[in-house]
Amino acid sequence: MLADARRSAIVDAVTRQRIVRVAELAGLLDVSPMTIRRDIELLDEAGLLVKVHGGAKVSGMSSTHEPGFELKSTQALAEKEAIAAEAASRVQEGMAIGLSAGTTTWTLARLLTRRKSLTIVTNSVRIADVFHSSHARSTVILTGGQRTPSDALVGPVATAAIKQLHLDMLFLGVHGMDENAGFTTPNLLEAEMDRAMAAASREVVVLADRSKWGILGISTIAALEDVDEVICDDRLGTDAQHVLRERVGRVTLVRALQRETA
């Protein structure tokens, strides 16, 4: 099969299935995993799909589609680790830190267990469990509320709890970033909760890898101008970089140590 036909078949498979693994595509097209990975790299750069850990996903999920935590935790692992490491450098002893639900903020939480004398406020059961299981020497405040597919606690109980607090910094995970819609999520109640956490914080730092650019959730959390910093990986497209640098207070791009995937 010619390269152009093979890449067209990859795009077709990703469009039909939403997310496809390298091994599955290699078997389907009878080529090596390395060939598939190279094709995915080129198609990602062309904006026809989004490269994720071990495969590829469609570049434009529906505005209400919300993958579960387990699926999202397998994607862009190296990028999330680099972003989390950079975010951790912002945290000082004695700070009150907000961590919204998400896999990148969960990755950051694992780094912060090594710190002491922090107050961690989160609406994520997964993040609270990280601190509990590691016997971290920080105070963890977990809001109540109803649970979403991304393991966020949301609703009036959760937002009421946040409105009583004052945070030094919020690390905000997002579903998508868009030039016009800003930072978005596919869950209306989660957007309300995230807005409440942002309003309670002196500084808001968005943690998002490049795959989030161009993804549009149904509800806006914040406009691009309303956050203090975005930390992203350095493979974010140049057009996206230009937009963010014009409209966000500070943009930090980090280099991920790429992993070999099968």
C-alpha atoms as a PDB file:
ATOM      1  CA  MET A   1       0.000   0.000   0.000  1.00  0.00           C
ATOM      2  CA  LEU A   2       1.323   3.431  -0.915  1.00  0.00           C
ATOM      3  CA  ALA A   3       2.067   5.846   1.925  1.00  0.00           C
ATOM      4  CA  ASP A   4      -0.734   8.265   1.001  1.00  0.00           C
ATOM      5  CA  ALA A   5      -3.298   5.457   0.893  1.00  0.00           C
ATOM      6  CA  ARG A   6      -2.050   4.070   4.208  1.00  0.00           C
ATOM      7  CA  ARG A   7      -2.311   7.454   5.910  1.00  0.00           C
ATOM      8  CA  SER A   8      -5.789   7.946   4.502  1.00  0.00           C
ATOM      9  CA  ALA A   9      -6.756   4.570   5.975  1.00  0.00           C
ATOM     10  CA  ILE A  10      -5.369   5.645   9.349  1.00  0.00           C
ATOM     11  CA  VAL A  11      -7.451   8.830   9.321  1.00  0.00           C
ATOM     12  CA  ASP A  12     -10.542   6.813   8.340  1.00  0.00           C
ATOM     13  CA  ALA A  13      -9.975   4.353  11.196  1.00  0.00           C
ATOM     14  CA  VAL A  14      -9.491   7.131  13.752  1.00  0.00           C
ATOM     15  CA  THR A  15     -12.584   8.957  12.490  1.00  0.00           C
ATOM     16  CA  ARG A  16     -14.712   5.818  12.869  1.00  0.00           C
ATOM     17  CA  GLN A  17     -13.376   4.628  16.214  1.00  0.00           C
ATOM     18  CA  ARG A  18     -12.445   7.977  17.817  1.00  0.00           C
ATOM     19  CA  ILE A  19      -9.293   6.462  19.383  1.00  0.00           C
ATOM     20  CA  VAL A  20      -7.102   3.729  17.814  1.00  0.00           C
ATOM     21  CA  ARG A  21      -3.933   2.083  19.102  1.00  0.00           C
ATOM     22  CA  VAL A  22      -0.698   1.695  17.104  1.00  0.00           C
ATOM     23  CA  ALA A  23      -0.745  -2.110  17.370  1.00  0.00           C
ATOM     24  CA  GLU A  24      -4.277  -2.255  15.978  1.00  0.00           C
ATOM     25  CA  LEU A  25      -3.392  -0.048  13.008  1.00  0.00           C
ATOM     26  CA  ALA A  26      -0.203  -2.027  12.311  1.00  0.00           C
ATOM     27  CA  GLY A  27      -2.206  -5.263  12.143  1.00  0.00           C
ATOM     28  CA  LEU A  28      -4.942  -3.717  10.034  1.00  0.00           C
ATOM     29  CA  LEU A  29      -2.516  -2.281   7.466  1.00  0.00           C
ATOM     30  CA  ASP A  30       0.119  -5.044   7.678  1.00  0.00           C
ATOM     31  CA  VAL A  31       3.041  -2.725   8.404  1.00  0.00           C
ATOM     32  CA  SER A  32       5.392  -2.275  11.347  1.00  0.00           C
ATOM     33  CA  PRO A  33       4.415  -0.266  14.451  1.00  0.00           C
ATOM     34  CA  MET A  34       7.324   2.077  13.681  1.00  0.00           C
ATOM     35  CA  THR A  35       5.794   2.896  10.281  1.00  0.00           C
ATOM     36  CA  ILE A  36       2.438   3.613  11.926  1.00  0.00           C
ATOM     37  CA  ARG A  37       4.079   5.871  14.508  1.00  0.00           C
ATOM     38  CA  ARG A  38       5.807   7.869  11.766  1.00  0.00           C
ATOM     39  CA  ASP A  39       2.516   8.203   9.889  1.00  0.00           C
ATOM     40  CA  ILE A  40       0.743   9.368  13.042  1.00  0.00           C
ATOM     41  CA  GLU A  41       3.469  11.977  13.640  1.00  0.00           C
ATOM     42  CA  LEU A  42       2.949  13.406  10.139  1.00  0.00           C
ATOM     43  CA  LEU A  43      -0.839  13.333  10.408  1.00  0.00           C
ATOM     44  CA  ASP A  44      -0.672  15.009  13.820  1.00  0.00           C
ATOM     45  CA  GLU A  45       1.510  17.803  12.407  1.00  0.00           C
ATOM     46  CA  ALA A  46      -1.004  18.229   9.566  1.00  0.00           C
ATOM     47  CA  GLY A  47      -3.848  18.555  12.064  1.00  0.00           C
ATOM     48  CA  LEU A  48      -5.730  15.509  10.729  1.00  0.00           C
ATOM     49  CA  LEU A  49      -5.615  13.642  14.051  1.00  0.00           C
ATOM     50  CA  VAL A  50      -4.021  13.949  17.477  1.00  0.00           C
ATOM     51  CA  LYS A  51      -1.164  11.707  18.561  1.00  0.00           C
ATOM     52  CA  VAL A  52      -1.688  10.156  21.985  1.00  0.00           C
ATOM     53  CA  HIS A  53       0.324   7.663  24.033  1.00  0.00           C
ATOM     54  CA  GLY A  54       0.248   4.399  22.073  1.00  0.00           C
ATOM     55  CA  GLY A  55      -2.029   5.557  19.282  1.00  0.00           C
ATOM     56  CA  ALA A  56      -4.093   8.419  17.857  1.00  0.00           C
ATOM     57  CA  LYS A  57      -7.428  10.079  18.470  1.00  0.00           C
ATOM     58  CA  VAL A  58      -9.794  12.131  16.359  1.00  0.00           C
ATOM     59  CA  SER A  59      -8.847  15.813  16.364  1.00  0.00           C
ATOM     60  CA  GLY A  60     -12.323  17.137  17.136  1.00  0.00           C
ATOM     61  CA  MET A  61     -14.284  15.307  19.825  1.00  0.00           C
ATOM     62  CA  SER A  62     -17.929  16.352  20.251  1.00  0.00           C
ATOM     63  CA  SER A  63     -18.517  19.185  22.697  1.00  0.00           C
ATOM     64  CA  THR A  64     -20.200  16.904  25.245  1.00  0.00           C
ATOM     65  CA  HIS A  65     -17.933  13.847  24.879  1.00  0.00           C
ATOM     66  CA  GLU A  66     -16.063  13.213  28.125  1.00  0.00           C
ATOM     67  CA  PRO A  67     -13.551  10.332  28.183  1.00  0.00           C
ATOM     68  CA  GLY A  68     -13.197   8.600  31.539  1.00  0.00           C
ATOM     69  CA  PHE A  69     -10.177   8.994  33.798  1.00  0.00           C
ATOM     70  CA  GLU A  70      -8.711   5.586  32.913  1.00  0.00           C
ATOM     71  CA  LEU A  71      -8.593   6.382  29.179  1.00  0.00           C
ATOM     72  CA  LYS A  72      -7.223   9.895  29.609  1.00  0.00           C
ATOM     73  CA  SER A  73      -4.535   8.682  31.998  1.00  0.00           C
ATOM     74  CA  THR A  74      -2.932   6.672  29.144  1.00  0.00           C
ATOM     75  CA  GLN A  75      -2.552   9.689  26.837  1.00  0.00           C
ATOM     76  CA  ALA A  76       0.378  12.136  26.443  1.00  0.00           C
ATOM     77  CA  LEU A  77       2.167  10.712  29.492  1.00  0.00           C
ATOM     78  CA  ALA A  78       5.552  12.296  28.826  1.00  0.00           C
ATOM     79  CA  GLU A  79       3.962  15.677  28.170  1.00  0.00           C
ATOM     80  CA  LYS A  80       1.907  15.530  31.354  1.00  0.00           C
ATOM     81  CA  GLU A  81       4.956  14.612  33.420  1.00  0.00           C
ATOM     82  CA  ALA A  82       6.980  17.530  32.014  1.00  0.00           C
ATOM     83  CA  ILE A  83       4.090  19.966  32.520  1.00  0.00           C
ATOM     84  CA  ALA A  84       3.538  18.733  36.075  1.00  0.00           C
ATOM     85  CA  ALA A  85       7.231  19.081  36.927  1.00  0.00           C
ATOM     86  CA  GLU A  86       7.195  22.686  35.729  1.00  0.00           C
ATOM     87  CA  ALA A  87       4.012  23.401  37.679  1.00  0.00           C
ATOM     88  CA  ALA A  88       5.507  21.916  40.850  1.00  0.00           C
ATOM     89  CA  SER A  89       8.304  24.487  40.683  1.00  0.00           C
ATOM     90  CA  ARG A  90       5.679  27.200  41.292  1.00  0.00           C
ATOM     91  CA  VAL A  91       4.664  25.721  44.656  1.00  0.00           C
ATOM     92  CA  GLN A  92       6.211  27.002  47.888  1.00  0.00           C
ATOM     93  CA  GLU A  93       5.921  25.718  51.429  1.00  0.00           C
ATOM     94  CA  GLY A  94       2.868  27.002  53.269  1.00  0.00           C
ATOM     95  CA  MET A  95       0.784  27.758  50.195  1.00  0.00           C
ATOM     96  CA  ALA A  96      -2.901  26.929  49.786  1.00  0.00           C
ATOM     97  CA  ILE A  97      -3.155  25.168  46.418  1.00  0.00           C
ATOM     98  CA  GLY A  98      -6.237  24.299  44.370  1.00  0.00           C
ATOM     99  CA  LEU A  99      -6.082  21.249  42.096  1.00  0.00           C
ATOM    100  CA  SER A 100      -8.992  20.748  39.722  1.00  0.00           C
ATOM    101  CA  ALA A 101      -9.868  17.241  38.580  1.00  0.00           C
ATOM    102  CA  GLY A 102      -7.880  15.806  35.668  1.00  0.00           C
ATOM    103  CA  THR A 103      -5.011  13.544  34.757  1.00  0.00           C
ATOM    104  CA  THR A 104      -2.396  16.308  34.464  1.00  0.00           C
ATOM    105  CA  THR A 105      -3.318  17.756  37.850  1.00  0.00           C
ATOM    106  CA  TRP A 106      -3.300  14.188  39.208  1.00  0.00           C
ATOM    107  CA  THR A 107       0.263  13.836  37.875  1.00  0.00           C
ATOM    108  CA  LEU A 108       1.162  17.093  39.641  1.00  0.00           C
ATOM    109  CA  ALA A 109      -0.405  15.816  42.871  1.00  0.00           C
ATOM    110  CA  ARG A 110       1.973  12.850  42.863  1.00  0.00           C
ATOM    111  CA  LEU A 111       4.914  15.274  42.839  1.00  0.00           C
ATOM    112  CA  LEU A 112       3.457  17.435  45.592  1.00  0.00           C
ATOM    113  CA  THR A 113       3.213  14.516  48.025  1.00  0.00           C
ATOM    114  CA  ARG A 114       6.914  15.081  48.659  1.00  0.00           C
ATOM    115  CA  ARG A 115       6.238  18.584  49.986  1.00  0.00           C
ATOM    116  CA  LYS A 116       5.173  19.501  53.500  1.00  0.00           C
ATOM    117  CA  SER A 117       3.037  22.217  55.044  1.00  0.00           C
ATOM    118  CA  LEU A 118       0.776  22.644  52.009  1.00  0.00           C
ATOM    119  CA  THR A 119      -2.981  22.957  52.079  1.00  0.00           C
ATOM    120  CA  ILE A 120      -4.445  21.141  49.085  1.00  0.00           C
ATOM    121  CA  VAL A 121      -8.030  21.881  48.050  1.00  0.00           C
ATOM    122  CA  THR A 122      -9.485  19.608  45.377  1.00  0.00           C
ATOM    123  CA  ASN A 123     -12.745  18.312  43.980  1.00  0.00           C
ATOM    124  CA  SER A 124     -11.010  15.164  42.681  1.00  0.00           C
ATOM    125  CA  VAL A 125     -11.385  11.879  44.533  1.00  0.00           C
ATOM    126  CA  ARG A 126      -8.356  10.537  42.632  1.00  0.00           C
ATOM    127  CA  ILE A 127      -6.151  13.429  43.738  1.00  0.00           C
ATOM    128  CA  ALA A 128      -7.271  13.156  47.352  1.00  0.00           C
ATOM    129  CA  ASP A 129      -6.428   9.428  47.239  1.00  0.00           C
ATOM    130  CA  VAL A 130      -2.893  10.236  46.016  1.00  0.00           C
ATOM    131  CA  PHE A 131      -2.185  12.260  49.155  1.00  0.00           C
ATOM    132  CA  HIS A 132      -3.945   9.814  51.458  1.00  0.00           C
ATOM    133  CA  SER A 133      -2.157   6.705  50.161  1.00  0.00           C
ATOM    134  CA  SER A 134       1.258   8.384  50.284  1.00  0.00           C
ATOM    135  CA  HIS A 135       0.770   9.626  53.863  1.00  0.00           C
ATOM    136  CA  ALA A 136       1.723  13.110  52.686  1.00  0.00           C
ATOM    137  CA  ARG A 137       2.408  15.761  55.317  1.00  0.00           C
ATOM    138  CA  SER A 138      -0.068  18.252  53.871  1.00  0.00           C
ATOM    139  CA  THR A 139      -3.636  19.145  54.732  1.00  0.00           C
ATOM    140  CA  VAL A 140      -6.073  17.923  52.080  1.00  0.00           C
ATOM    141  CA  ILE A 141      -9.567  19.355  51.753  1.00  0.00           C
ATOM    142  CA  LEU A 142     -11.882  17.330  49.482  1.00  0.00           C
ATOM    143  CA  THR A 143     -15.164  18.937  48.500  1.00  0.00           C
ATOM    144  CA  GLY A 144     -18.400  16.997  48.472  1.00  0.00           C
ATOM    145  CA  GLY A 145     -20.694  16.717  45.471  1.00  0.00           C
ATOM    146  CA  GLN A 146     -21.791  14.372  42.715  1.00  0.00           C
ATOM    147  CA  ARG A 147     -19.200  12.480  40.651  1.00  0.00           C
ATOM    148  CA  THR A 148     -18.491  12.969  36.919  1.00  0.00           C
ATOM    149  CA  PRO A 149     -16.800  10.557  34.423  1.00  0.00           C
ATOM    150  CA  SER A 150     -13.499  12.353  35.075  1.00  0.00           C
ATOM    151  CA  ASP A 151     -13.895  11.684  38.834  1.00  0.00           C
ATOM    152  CA  ALA A 152     -14.633  15.313  39.646  1.00  0.00           C
ATOM    153  CA  LEU A 153     -17.021  16.238  42.448  1.00  0.00           C
ATOM    154  CA  VAL A 154     -19.441  18.904  41.252  1.00  0.00           C
ATOM    155  CA  GLY A 155     -22.774  20.528  42.034  1.00  0.00           C
ATOM    156  CA  PRO A 156     -24.053  23.006  44.626  1.00  0.00           C
ATOM    157  CA  VAL A 157     -22.398  21.296  47.609  1.00  0.00           C
ATOM    158  CA  ALA A 158     -18.984  21.437  45.933  1.00  0.00           C
ATOM    159  CA  THR A 159     -19.258  25.038  44.730  1.00  0.00           C
ATOM    160  CA  ALA A 160     -20.579  26.233  48.101  1.00  0.00           C
ATOM    161  CA  ALA A 161     -17.526  24.752  49.823  1.00  0.00           C
ATOM    162  CA  ILE A 162     -15.100  26.473  47.457  1.00  0.00           C
ATOM    163  CA  LYS A 163     -16.732  29.881  47.785  1.00  0.00           C
ATOM    164  CA  GLN A 164     -15.751  29.969  51.473  1.00  0.00           C
ATOM    165  CA  LEU A 165     -12.029  29.560  50.735  1.00  0.00           C
ATOM    166  CA  HIS A 166      -9.099  31.688  49.547  1.00  0.00           C
ATOM    167  CA  LEU A 167      -6.356  29.979  47.521  1.00  0.00           C
ATOM    168  CA  ASP A 168      -2.891  31.209  46.602  1.00  0.00           C
ATOM    169  CA  MET A 169      -2.846  29.325  43.303  1.00  0.00           C
ATOM    170  CA  LEU A 170      -5.127  27.082  41.250  1.00  0.00           C
ATOM    171  CA  PHE A 171      -3.737  24.503  38.862  1.00  0.00           C
ATOM    172  CA  LEU A 172      -6.525  24.005  36.360  1.00  0.00           C
ATOM    173  CA  GLY A 173      -6.859  21.046  34.016  1.00  0.00           C
ATOM    174  CA  VAL A 174      -9.019  21.631  30.937  1.00  0.00           C
ATOM    175  CA  HIS A 175     -10.675  19.525  28.256  1.00  0.00           C
ATOM    176  CA  GLY A 176      -9.955  21.971  25.450  1.00  0.00           C
ATOM    177  CA  MET A 177      -8.383  25.303  24.471  1.00  0.00           C
ATOM    178  CA  ASP A 178      -9.854  27.431  21.701  1.00  0.00           C
ATOM    179  CA  GLU A 179      -9.040  30.894  20.346  1.00  0.00           C
ATOM    180  CA  ASN A 180     -12.656  32.027  20.649  1.00  0.00           C
ATOM    181  CA  ALA A 181     -14.201  29.820  23.345  1.00  0.00           C
ATOM    182  CA  GLY A 182     -11.211  29.882  25.699  1.00  0.00           C
ATOM    183  CA  PHE A 183     -10.734  27.001  28.152  1.00  0.00           C
ATOM    184  CA  THR A 184     -13.609  24.545  28.025  1.00  0.00           C
ATOM    185  CA  THR A 185     -15.073  21.338  29.447  1.00  0.00           C
ATOM    186  CA  PRO A 186     -17.792  18.955  28.208  1.00  0.00           C
ATOM    187  CA  ASN A 187     -19.479  18.959  31.628  1.00  0.00           C
ATOM    188  CA  LEU A 188     -21.653  21.934  32.614  1.00  0.00           C
ATOM    189  CA  LEU A 189     -21.426  21.317  36.353  1.00  0.00           C
ATOM    190  CA  GLU A 190     -17.660  20.820  36.183  1.00  0.00           C
ATOM    191  CA  ALA A 191     -17.340  24.170  34.412  1.00  0.00           C
ATOM    192  CA  GLU A 192     -19.284  25.825  37.225  1.00  0.00           C
ATOM    193  CA  MET A 193     -17.015  24.228  39.809  1.00  0.00           C
ATOM    194  CA  ASP A 194     -13.848  25.216  37.970  1.00  0.00           C
ATOM    195  CA  ARG A 195     -15.070  28.809  37.697  1.00  0.00           C
ATOM    196  CA  ALA A 196     -15.691  28.871  41.445  1.00  0.00           C
ATOM    197  CA  MET A 197     -12.176  27.565  42.129  1.00  0.00           C
ATOM    198  CA  ALA A 198     -10.690  30.189  39.797  1.00  0.00           C
ATOM    199  CA  ALA A 199     -12.645  32.962  41.503  1.00  0.00           C
ATOM    200  CA  ALA A 200     -11.287  31.828  44.889  1.00  0.00           C
ATOM    201  CA  SER A 201      -7.656  31.900  43.679  1.00  0.00           C
ATOM    202  CA  ARG A 202      -5.116  34.701  43.473  1.00  0.00           C
ATOM    203  CA  GLU A 203      -3.447  33.059  40.479  1.00  0.00           C
ATOM    204  CA  VAL A 204      -4.776  30.574  37.903  1.00  0.00           C
ATOM    205  CA  VAL A 205      -2.369  28.298  35.999  1.00  0.00           C
ATOM    206  CA  VAL A 206      -3.750  26.098  33.223  1.00  0.00           C
ATOM    207  CA  LEU A 207      -2.010  22.755  32.653  1.00  0.00           C
ATOM    208  CA  ALA A 208      -2.695  21.414  29.149  1.00  0.00           C
ATOM    209  CA  ASP A 209      -0.726  19.455  26.550  1.00  0.00           C
ATOM    210  CA  ARG A 210      -0.859  20.415  22.867  1.00  0.00           C
ATOM    211  CA  SER A 211      -3.646  17.932  22.045  1.00  0.00           C
ATOM    212  CA  LYS A 212      -6.092  20.203  23.905  1.00  0.00           C
ATOM    213  CA  TRP A 213      -5.713  23.018  21.371  1.00  0.00           C
ATOM    214  CA  GLY A 214      -8.718  23.190  19.030  1.00  0.00           C
ATOM    215  CA  ILE A 215     -10.829  20.900  21.228  1.00  0.00           C
ATOM    216  CA  LEU A 216     -14.149  22.494  22.153  1.00  0.00           C
ATOM    217  CA  GLY A 217     -16.218  21.501  25.178  1.00  0.00           C
ATOM    218  CA  ILE A 218     -19.796  22.661  25.577  1.00  0.00           C
ATOM    219  CA  SER A 219     -19.061  25.039  28.459  1.00  0.00           C
ATOM    220  CA  THR A 220     -16.387  27.716  28.887  1.00  0.00           C
ATOM    221  CA  ILE A 221     -14.477  27.786  32.156  1.00  0.00           C
ATOM    222  CA  ALA A 222     -12.526  30.960  31.428  1.00  0.00           C
ATOM    223  CA  ALA A 223     -11.495  33.180  28.539  1.00  0.00           C
ATOM    224  CA  LEU A 224      -7.862  33.040  27.466  1.00  0.00           C
ATOM    225  CA  GLU A 225      -7.300  36.477  29.017  1.00  0.00           C
ATOM    226  CA  ASP A 226      -8.668  35.366  32.394  1.00  0.00           C
ATOM    227  CA  VAL A 227      -5.813  33.041  33.391  1.00  0.00           C
ATOM    228  CA  ASP A 228      -2.368  34.033  34.584  1.00  0.00           C
ATOM    229  CA  GLU A 229      -0.321  31.286  32.935  1.00  0.00           C
ATOM    230  CA  VAL A 230      -0.566  28.335  30.565  1.00  0.00           C
ATOM    231  CA  ILE A 231       1.977  25.519  30.855  1.00  0.00           C
ATOM    232  CA  CYS A 232       2.048  23.336  27.725  1.00  0.00           C
ATOM    233  CA  ASP A 233       4.504  21.125  25.859  1.00  0.00           C
ATOM    234  CA  ASP A 234       6.786  22.709  23.297  1.00  0.00           C
ATOM    235  CA  ARG A 235       5.232  20.869  20.343  1.00  0.00           C
ATOM    236  CA  LEU A 236       2.215  23.148  20.471  1.00  0.00           C
ATOM    237  CA  GLY A 237       1.634  24.592  16.976  1.00  0.00           C
ATOM    238  CA  THR A 238       3.105  27.991  16.158  1.00  0.00           C
ATOM    239  CA  ASP A 239      -0.306  29.550  15.441  1.00  0.00           C
ATOM    240  CA  ALA A 240      -1.598  28.406  18.828  1.00  0.00           C
ATOM    241  CA  GLN A 241       1.542  29.710  20.516  1.00  0.00           C
ATOM    242  CA  HIS A 242       1.016  33.099  18.886  1.00  0.00           C
ATOM    243  CA  VAL A 243      -2.606  33.308  20.060  1.00  0.00           C
ATOM    244  CA  LEU A 244      -1.751  32.311  23.625  1.00  0.00           C
ATOM    245  CA  ARG A 245       1.218  34.664  23.911  1.00  0.00           C
ATOM    246  CA  GLU A 246      -0.947  37.576  22.757  1.00  0.00           C
ATOM    247  CA  ARG A 247      -3.769  36.893  25.192  1.00  0.00           C
ATOM    248  CA  VAL A 248      -2.472  34.985  28.229  1.00  0.00           C
ATOM    249  CA  GLY A 249      -0.381  36.639  30.918  1.00  0.00           C
ATOM    250  CA  ARG A 250       2.427  34.079  30.680  1.00  0.00           C
ATOM    251  CA  VAL A 251       3.004  31.037  28.452  1.00  0.00           C
ATOM    252  CA  THR A 252       5.549  28.390  29.431  1.00  0.00           C
ATOM    253  CA  LEU A 253       6.454  25.619  27.001  1.00  0.00           C
ATOM    254  CA  VAL A 254       8.279  22.554  28.292  1.00  0.00           C
ATOM    255  CA  ARG A 255      10.100  19.766  26.504  1.00  0.00           C
ATOM    256  CA  ALA A 256       8.819  16.253  27.140  1.00  0.00           C
ATOM    257  CA  LEU A 257      11.121  13.254  27.290  1.00  0.00           C
ATOM    258  CA  GLN A 258       9.440  11.104  24.637  1.00  0.00           C
ATOM    259  CA  ARG A 259       8.763   7.477  25.397  1.00  0.00           C
ATOM    260  CA  GLU A 260       8.991   4.610  22.948  1.00  0.00           C
ATOM    261  CA  THR A 261       5.524   3.104  22.521  1.00  0.00           C
ATOM    262  CA  ALA A 262       4.306  -0.158  21.058  1.00  0.00           C
END
